[in-house]
């Protein structure tokens, strides 16, 4: 499992993130505080408070390609 932080400032970014996540076989959860949603669900991702950093929990150790695709959202 890998954990990273991202920032999705626009609804279009939330949709793009969910589209990218849905192409991979592993589970991806997004967490803001105690609120957790499925990262492959556009509705779930859009329901998050996008003004705060979002914690991404990736349930795979082989996720380098996924991380490359979402690199524009990753907080450094």
PDB file of N, CA and C in Angstrom:
ATOM      1  N   UNK A   1       0.850  -1.179   0.000  1.00  0.00           N
ATOM      2  CA  UNK A   1       0.000   0.000   0.000  1.00  0.00           C
ATOM      3  C   UNK A   1       0.894   1.239   0.000  1.00  0.00           C
ATOM      4  N   UNK A   2       0.509   2.228  -0.788  1.00  0.00           N
ATOM      5  CA  UNK A   2       1.205   3.514  -0.815  1.00  0.00           C
ATOM      6  C   UNK A   2       0.218   4.609  -0.450  1.00  0.00           C
ATOM      7  N   UNK A   3       0.729   5.627   0.215  1.00  0.00           N
ATOM      8  CA  UNK A   3      -0.094   6.766   0.630  1.00  0.00           C
ATOM      9  C   UNK A   3       0.588   8.043   0.155  1.00  0.00           C
ATOM     10  N   UNK A   4      -0.168   8.878  -0.560  1.00  0.00           N
ATOM     11  CA  UNK A   4       0.340  10.167  -1.030  1.00  0.00           C
ATOM     12  C   UNK A   4      -0.723  11.235  -0.778  1.00  0.00           C
ATOM     13  N   UNK A   5      -0.338  12.484  -0.922  1.00  0.00           N
ATOM     14  CA  UNK A   5      -1.285  13.592  -0.800  1.00  0.00           C
ATOM     15  C   UNK A   5      -1.404  14.299  -2.137  1.00  0.00           C
ATOM     16  N   UNK A   6      -2.639  14.657  -2.490  1.00  0.00           N
ATOM     17  CA  UNK A   6      -2.893  15.361  -3.747  1.00  0.00           C
ATOM     18  C   UNK A   6      -3.747  16.588  -3.492  1.00  0.00           C
ATOM     19  N   UNK A   7      -3.852  17.414  -4.514  1.00  0.00           N
ATOM     20  CA  UNK A   7      -4.737  18.585  -4.482  1.00  0.00           C
ATOM     21  C   UNK A   7      -5.550  18.588  -5.772  1.00  0.00           C
ATOM     22  N   UNK A   8      -6.859  18.555  -5.639  1.00  0.00           N
ATOM     23  CA  UNK A   8      -7.775  18.629  -6.784  1.00  0.00           C
ATOM     24  C   UNK A   8      -8.563  19.922  -6.625  1.00  0.00           C
ATOM     25  N   UNK A   9      -8.185  20.946  -7.359  1.00  0.00           N
ATOM     26  CA  UNK A   9      -8.804  22.251  -7.152  1.00  0.00           C
ATOM     27  C   UNK A   9     -10.040  22.497  -8.011  1.00  0.00           C
ATOM     28  N   UNK A  10     -10.239  21.706  -9.054  1.00  0.00           N
ATOM     29  CA  UNK A  10     -11.372  21.897  -9.960  1.00  0.00           C
ATOM     30  C   UNK A  10     -12.165  20.598 -10.116  1.00  0.00           C
ATOM     31  N   UNK A  11     -13.448  20.718 -10.440  1.00  0.00           N
ATOM     32  CA  UNK A  11     -14.256  19.524 -10.679  1.00  0.00           C
ATOM     33  C   UNK A  11     -13.726  18.718 -11.867  1.00  0.00           C
ATOM     34  N   UNK A  12     -13.181  19.411 -12.866  1.00  0.00           N
ATOM     35  CA  UNK A  12     -12.615  18.709 -14.023  1.00  0.00           C
ATOM     36  C   UNK A  12     -11.444  17.829 -13.589  1.00  0.00           C
ATOM     37  N   UNK A  13     -10.655  18.304 -12.610  1.00  0.00           N
ATOM     38  CA  UNK A  13      -9.543  17.513 -12.091  1.00  0.00           C
ATOM     39  C   UNK A  13     -10.047  16.273 -11.356  1.00  0.00           C
ATOM     40  N   UNK A  14     -11.142  16.422 -10.630  1.00  0.00           N
ATOM     41  CA  UNK A  14     -11.726  15.286  -9.908  1.00  0.00           C
ATOM     42  C   UNK A  14     -12.192  14.220 -10.896  1.00  0.00           C
ATOM     43  N   UNK A  15     -12.833  14.644 -11.979  1.00  0.00           N
ATOM     44  CA  UNK A  15     -13.287  13.694 -12.999  1.00  0.00           C
ATOM     45  C   UNK A  15     -12.096  13.016 -13.668  1.00  0.00           C
ATOM     46  N   UNK A  16     -11.061  13.780 -13.995  1.00  0.00           N
ATOM     47  CA  UNK A  16      -9.871  13.211 -14.615  1.00  0.00           C
ATOM     48  C   UNK A  16      -9.208  12.199 -13.683  1.00  0.00           C
ATOM     49  N   UNK A  17      -9.110  12.526 -12.389  1.00  0.00           N
ATOM     50  CA  UNK A  17      -8.512  11.596 -11.435  1.00  0.00           C
ATOM     51  C   UNK A  17      -9.292  10.286 -11.398  1.00  0.00           C
ATOM     52  N   UNK A  18     -10.614  10.365 -11.297  1.00  0.00           N
ATOM     53  CA  UNK A  18     -11.445   9.160 -11.241  1.00  0.00           C
ATOM     54  C   UNK A  18     -11.316   8.345 -12.530  1.00  0.00           C
ATOM     55  N   UNK A  19     -11.242   9.013 -13.672  1.00  0.00           N
ATOM     56  CA  UNK A  19     -11.066   8.311 -14.951  1.00  0.00           C
ATOM     57  C   UNK A  19      -9.736   7.568 -14.987  1.00  0.00           C
ATOM     58  N   UNK A  20      -8.682   8.203 -14.519  1.00  0.00           N
ATOM     59  CA  UNK A  20      -7.359   7.560 -14.497  1.00  0.00           C
ATOM     60  C   UNK A  20      -7.380   6.378 -13.534  1.00  0.00           C
ATOM     61  N   UNK A  21      -7.906   6.578 -12.334  1.00  0.00           N
ATOM     62  CA  UNK A  21      -7.935   5.516 -11.321  1.00  0.00           C
ATOM     63  C   UNK A  21      -8.742   4.311 -11.781  1.00  0.00           C
ATOM     64  N   UNK A  22      -9.805   4.540 -12.533  1.00  0.00           N
ATOM     65  CA  UNK A  22     -10.666   3.433 -12.962  1.00  0.00           C
ATOM     66  C   UNK A  22     -10.005   2.532 -13.996  1.00  0.00           C
ATOM     67  N   UNK A  23      -8.904   2.957 -14.582  1.00  0.00           N
ATOM     68  CA  UNK A  23      -8.191   2.128 -15.557  1.00  0.00           C
ATOM     69  C   UNK A  23      -7.258   1.104 -14.906  1.00  0.00           C
ATOM     70  N   UNK A  24      -7.122   1.153 -13.584  1.00  0.00           N
ATOM     71  CA  UNK A  24      -6.187   0.269 -12.891  1.00  0.00           C
ATOM     72  C   UNK A  24      -6.936  -0.770 -12.064  1.00  0.00           C
ATOM     73  N   UNK A  25      -6.352  -1.990 -11.917  1.00  0.00           N
ATOM     74  CA  UNK A  25      -7.058  -3.080 -11.234  1.00  0.00           C
ATOM     75  C   UNK A  25      -7.073  -2.974  -9.711  1.00  0.00           C
ATOM     76  N   UNK A  26      -6.233  -2.141  -9.139  1.00  0.00           N
ATOM     77  CA  UNK A  26      -6.166  -2.053  -7.680  1.00  0.00           C
ATOM     78  C   UNK A  26      -7.133  -0.993  -7.153  1.00  0.00           C
ATOM     79  N   UNK A  27      -7.425  -1.084  -5.857  1.00  0.00           N
ATOM     80  CA  UNK A  27      -8.329  -0.128  -5.212  1.00  0.00           C
ATOM     81  C   UNK A  27      -7.589   1.157  -4.881  1.00  0.00           C
ATOM     82  N   UNK A  28      -8.311   2.267  -4.980  1.00  0.00           N
ATOM     83  CA  UNK A  28      -7.779   3.582  -4.641  1.00  0.00           C
ATOM     84  C   UNK A  28      -8.834   4.278  -3.786  1.00  0.00           C
ATOM     85  N   UNK A  29      -8.460   4.645  -2.555  1.00  0.00           N
ATOM     86  CA  UNK A  29      -9.363   5.379  -1.668  1.00  0.00           C
ATOM     87  C   UNK A  29      -8.845   6.791  -1.488  1.00  0.00           C
ATOM     88  N   UNK A  30      -9.770   7.738  -1.364  1.00  0.00           N
ATOM     89  CA  UNK A  30      -9.426   9.126  -1.087  1.00  0.00           C
ATOM     90  C   UNK A  30      -9.984   9.477   0.286  1.00  0.00           C
ATOM     91  N   UNK A  31      -9.175  10.159   1.082  1.00  0.00           N
ATOM     92  CA  UNK A  31      -9.556  10.478   2.453  1.00  0.00           C
ATOM     93  C   UNK A  31      -9.322  11.964   2.733  1.00  0.00           C
ATOM     94  N   UNK A  32     -10.345  12.603   3.299  1.00  0.00           N
ATOM     95  CA  UNK A  32     -10.219  13.952   3.831  1.00  0.00           C
ATOM     96  C   UNK A  32     -10.806  13.875   5.235  1.00  0.00           C
ATOM     97  N   UNK A  33      -9.940  13.949   6.238  1.00  0.00           N
ATOM     98  CA  UNK A  33     -10.394  13.773   7.621  1.00  0.00           C
ATOM     99  C   UNK A  33     -10.895  12.353   7.821  1.00  0.00           C
ATOM    100  N   UNK A  34     -12.113  12.224   8.313  1.00  0.00           N
ATOM    101  CA  UNK A  34     -12.700  10.893   8.527  1.00  0.00           C
ATOM    102  C   UNK A  34     -13.526  10.430   7.333  1.00  0.00           C
ATOM    103  N   UNK A  35     -13.663  11.254   6.326  1.00  0.00           N
ATOM    104  CA  UNK A  35     -14.494  10.962   5.158  1.00  0.00           C
ATOM    105  C   UNK A  35     -13.664  10.223   4.111  1.00  0.00           C
ATOM    106  N   UNK A  36     -14.086   9.017   3.728  1.00  0.00           N
ATOM    107  CA  UNK A  36     -13.350   8.190   2.761  1.00  0.00           C
ATOM    108  C   UNK A  36     -14.277   7.850   1.598  1.00  0.00           C
ATOM    109  N   UNK A  37     -13.756   8.004   0.349  1.00  0.00           N
ATOM    110  CA  UNK A  37     -14.535   7.653  -0.842  1.00  0.00           C
ATOM    111  C   UNK A  37     -13.683   6.787  -1.766  1.00  0.00           C
ATOM    112  N   UNK A  38     -14.349   6.091  -2.652  1.00  0.00           N
ATOM    113  CA  UNK A  38     -13.690   5.295  -3.685  1.00  0.00           C
ATOM    114  C   UNK A  38     -13.124   6.248  -4.733  1.00  0.00           C
ATOM    115  N   UNK A  39     -11.820   6.150  -4.993  1.00  0.00           N
ATOM    116  CA  UNK A  39     -11.164   7.030  -5.947  1.00  0.00           C
ATOM    117  C   UNK A  39     -11.586   6.805  -7.381  1.00  0.00           C
ATOM    118  N   UNK A  40     -12.297   5.707  -7.657  1.00  0.00           N
ATOM    119  CA  UNK A  40     -12.767   5.413  -9.008  1.00  0.00           C
ATOM    120  C   UNK A  40     -14.172   5.951  -9.249  1.00  0.00           C
ATOM    121  N   UNK A  41     -14.778   6.520  -8.229  1.00  0.00           N
ATOM    122  CA  UNK A  41     -16.136   7.045  -8.316  1.00  0.00           C
ATOM    123  C   UNK A  41     -16.099   8.554  -8.536  1.00  0.00           C
ATOM    124  N   UNK A  42     -16.567   8.994  -9.690  1.00  0.00           N
ATOM    125  CA  UNK A  42     -16.590  10.431  -9.988  1.00  0.00           C
ATOM    126  C   UNK A  42     -17.436  11.161  -8.952  1.00  0.00           C
ATOM    127  N   UNK A  43     -18.596  10.617  -8.633  1.00  0.00           N
ATOM    128  CA  UNK A  43     -19.473  11.258  -7.658  1.00  0.00           C
ATOM    129  C   UNK A  43     -18.810  11.331  -6.288  1.00  0.00           C
ATOM    130  N   UNK A  44     -18.140  10.253  -5.884  1.00  0.00           N
ATOM    131  CA  UNK A  44     -17.448  10.241  -4.597  1.00  0.00           C
ATOM    132  C   UNK A  44     -16.331  11.265  -4.542  1.00  0.00           C
ATOM    133  N   UNK A  45     -15.512  11.309  -5.584  1.00  0.00           N
ATOM    134  CA  UNK A  45     -14.391  12.248  -5.621  1.00  0.00           C
ATOM    135  C   UNK A  45     -14.906  13.688  -5.621  1.00  0.00           C
ATOM    136  N   UNK A  46     -15.961  13.953  -6.381  1.00  0.00           N
ATOM    137  CA  UNK A  46     -16.518  15.311  -6.451  1.00  0.00           C
ATOM    138  C   UNK A  46     -17.158  15.743  -5.137  1.00  0.00           C
ATOM    139  N   UNK A  47     -17.513  14.788  -4.292  1.00  0.00           N
ATOM    140  CA  UNK A  47     -18.156  15.131  -3.020  1.00  0.00           C
ATOM    141  C   UNK A  47     -17.156  15.556  -1.947  1.00  0.00           C
ATOM    142  N   UNK A  48     -15.864  15.407  -2.206  1.00  0.00           N
ATOM    143  CA  UNK A  48     -14.850  15.769  -1.223  1.00  0.00           C
ATOM    144  C   UNK A  48     -14.671  17.279  -1.137  1.00  0.00           C
ATOM    145  N   UNK A  49     -14.162  17.733  -0.008  1.00  0.00           N
ATOM    146  CA  UNK A  49     -13.805  19.142   0.182  1.00  0.00           C
ATOM    147  C   UNK A  49     -12.486  19.376  -0.545  1.00  0.00           C
ATOM    148  N   UNK A  50     -12.537  19.972  -1.732  1.00  0.00           N
ATOM    149  CA  UNK A  50     -11.345  20.133  -2.560  1.00  0.00           C
ATOM    150  C   UNK A  50     -10.483  21.311  -2.141  1.00  0.00           C
ATOM    151  N   UNK A  51     -10.884  22.033  -1.105  1.00  0.00           N
ATOM    152  CA  UNK A  51     -10.058  23.137  -0.624  1.00  0.00           C
ATOM    153  C   UNK A  51      -8.928  22.634   0.280  1.00  0.00           C
ATOM    154  N   UNK A  52      -9.004  21.360   0.662  1.00  0.00           N
ATOM    155  CA  UNK A  52      -8.001  20.766   1.546  1.00  0.00           C
ATOM    156  C   UNK A  52      -7.197  19.712   0.779  1.00  0.00           C
ATOM    157  N   UNK A  53      -5.979  19.415   1.261  1.00  0.00           N
ATOM    158  CA  UNK A  53      -5.227  18.298   0.650  1.00  0.00           C
ATOM    159  C   UNK A  53      -5.982  16.990   0.852  1.00  0.00           C
ATOM    160  N   UNK A  54      -5.885  16.114  -0.128  1.00  0.00           N
ATOM    161  CA  UNK A  54      -6.584  14.832  -0.116  1.00  0.00           C
ATOM    162  C   UNK A  54      -5.549  13.720   0.001  1.00  0.00           C
ATOM    163  N   UNK A  55      -5.757  12.804   0.936  1.00  0.00           N
ATOM    164  CA  UNK A  55      -4.871  11.662   1.095  1.00  0.00           C
ATOM    165  C   UNK A  55      -5.351  10.535   0.191  1.00  0.00           C
ATOM    166  N   UNK A  56      -4.431  10.007  -0.624  1.00  0.00           N
ATOM    167  CA  UNK A  56      -4.740   8.912  -1.537  1.00  0.00           C
ATOM    168  C   UNK A  56      -4.110   7.646  -0.986  1.00  0.00           C
ATOM    169  N   UNK A  57      -4.915   6.607  -0.815  1.00  0.00           N
ATOM    170  CA  UNK A  57      -4.426   5.307  -0.366  1.00  0.00           C
ATOM    171  C   UNK A  57      -4.516   4.347  -1.546  1.00  0.00           C
ATOM    172  N   UNK A  58      -3.370   3.900  -2.020  1.00  0.00           N
ATOM    173  CA  UNK A  58      -3.291   3.016  -3.185  1.00  0.00           C
ATOM    174  C   UNK A  58      -2.979   1.617  -2.678  1.00  0.00           C
ATOM    175  N   UNK A  59      -3.858   0.665  -2.947  1.00  0.00           N
ATOM    176  CA  UNK A  59      -3.717  -0.688  -2.422  1.00  0.00           C
ATOM    177  C   UNK A  59      -2.950  -1.585  -3.384  1.00  0.00           C
ATOM    178  N   UNK A  60      -1.728  -1.134  -3.700  1.00  0.00           N
ATOM    179  CA  UNK A  60      -0.818  -1.888  -4.557  1.00  0.00           C
ATOM    180  C   UNK A  60       0.576  -1.298  -4.378  1.00  0.00           C
ATOM    181  N   UNK A  61       1.577  -2.143  -4.481  1.00  0.00           N
ATOM    182  CA  UNK A  61       2.947  -1.645  -4.460  1.00  0.00           C
ATOM    183  C   UNK A  61       3.462  -1.416  -5.874  1.00  0.00           C
ATOM    184  N   UNK A  62       2.753  -1.948  -6.848  1.00  0.00           N
ATOM    185  CA  UNK A  62       3.139  -1.803  -8.252  1.00  0.00           C
ATOM    186  C   UNK A  62       2.247  -0.743  -8.904  1.00  0.00           C
ATOM    187  N   UNK A  63       2.465   0.518  -8.521  1.00  0.00           N
ATOM    188  CA  UNK A  63       1.577   1.589  -8.981  1.00  0.00           C
ATOM    189  C   UNK A  63       2.349   2.759  -9.574  1.00  0.00           C
ATOM    190  N   UNK A  64       3.567   2.524 -10.034  1.00  0.00           N
ATOM    191  CA  UNK A  64       4.402   3.610 -10.558  1.00  0.00           C
ATOM    192  C   UNK A  64       3.779   4.293 -11.770  1.00  0.00           C
ATOM    193  N   UNK A  65       3.173   3.513 -12.657  1.00  0.00           N
ATOM    194  CA  UNK A  65       2.543   4.100 -13.848  1.00  0.00           C
ATOM    195  C   UNK A  65       1.362   4.988 -13.444  1.00  0.00           C
ATOM    196  N   UNK A  66       0.582   4.532 -12.477  1.00  0.00           N
ATOM    197  CA  UNK A  66      -0.534   5.324 -11.957  1.00  0.00           C
ATOM    198  C   UNK A  66      -0.025   6.628 -11.354  1.00  0.00           C
ATOM    199  N   UNK A  67       1.046   6.553 -10.560  1.00  0.00           N
ATOM    200  CA  UNK A  67       1.620   7.753  -9.951  1.00  0.00           C
ATOM    201  C   UNK A  67       2.123   8.730 -11.011  1.00  0.00           C
ATOM    202  N   UNK A  68       2.679   8.202 -12.093  1.00  0.00           N
ATOM    203  CA  UNK A  68       3.119   9.072 -13.193  1.00  0.00           C
ATOM    204  C   UNK A  68       1.934   9.806 -13.815  1.00  0.00           C
ATOM    205  N   UNK A  69       0.823   9.092 -13.986  1.00  0.00           N
ATOM    206  CA  UNK A  69      -0.354   9.698 -14.619  1.00  0.00           C
ATOM    207  C   UNK A  69      -1.010  10.774 -13.755  1.00  0.00           C
ATOM    208  N   UNK A  70      -0.911  10.629 -12.433  1.00  0.00           N
ATOM    209  CA  UNK A  70      -1.530  11.623 -11.548  1.00  0.00           C
ATOM    210  C   UNK A  70      -0.510  12.605 -10.991  1.00  0.00           C
ATOM    211  N   UNK A  71       0.682  12.628 -11.533  1.00  0.00           N
ATOM    212  CA  UNK A  71       1.763  13.464 -10.991  1.00  0.00           C
ATOM    213  C   UNK A  71       1.400  14.951 -10.924  1.00  0.00           C
ATOM    214  N   UNK A  72       0.530  15.422 -11.818  1.00  0.00           N
ATOM    215  CA  UNK A  72       0.151  16.838 -11.805  1.00  0.00           C
ATOM    216  C   UNK A  72      -0.682  17.211 -10.576  1.00  0.00           C
ATOM    217  N   UNK A  73      -1.221  16.216  -9.886  1.00  0.00           N
ATOM    218  CA  UNK A  73      -2.037  16.465  -8.695  1.00  0.00           C
ATOM    219  C   UNK A  73      -1.261  16.266  -7.393  1.00  0.00           C
ATOM    220  N   UNK A  74      -0.113  15.606  -7.435  1.00  0.00           N
ATOM    221  CA  UNK A  74       0.626  15.220  -6.230  1.00  0.00           C
ATOM    222  C   UNK A  74       1.257  16.448  -5.593  1.00  0.00           C
ATOM    223  N   UNK A  75       1.057  16.563  -4.275  1.00  0.00           N
ATOM    224  CA  UNK A  75       1.682  17.633  -3.500  1.00  0.00           C
ATOM    225  C   UNK A  75       3.096  17.207  -3.150  1.00  0.00           C
ATOM    226  N   UNK A  76       4.022  18.081  -3.369  1.00  0.00           N
ATOM    227  CA  UNK A  76       5.432  17.769  -3.079  1.00  0.00           C
ATOM    228  C   UNK A  76       5.863  18.450  -1.811  1.00  0.00           C
TER     229      UNK A  76
END
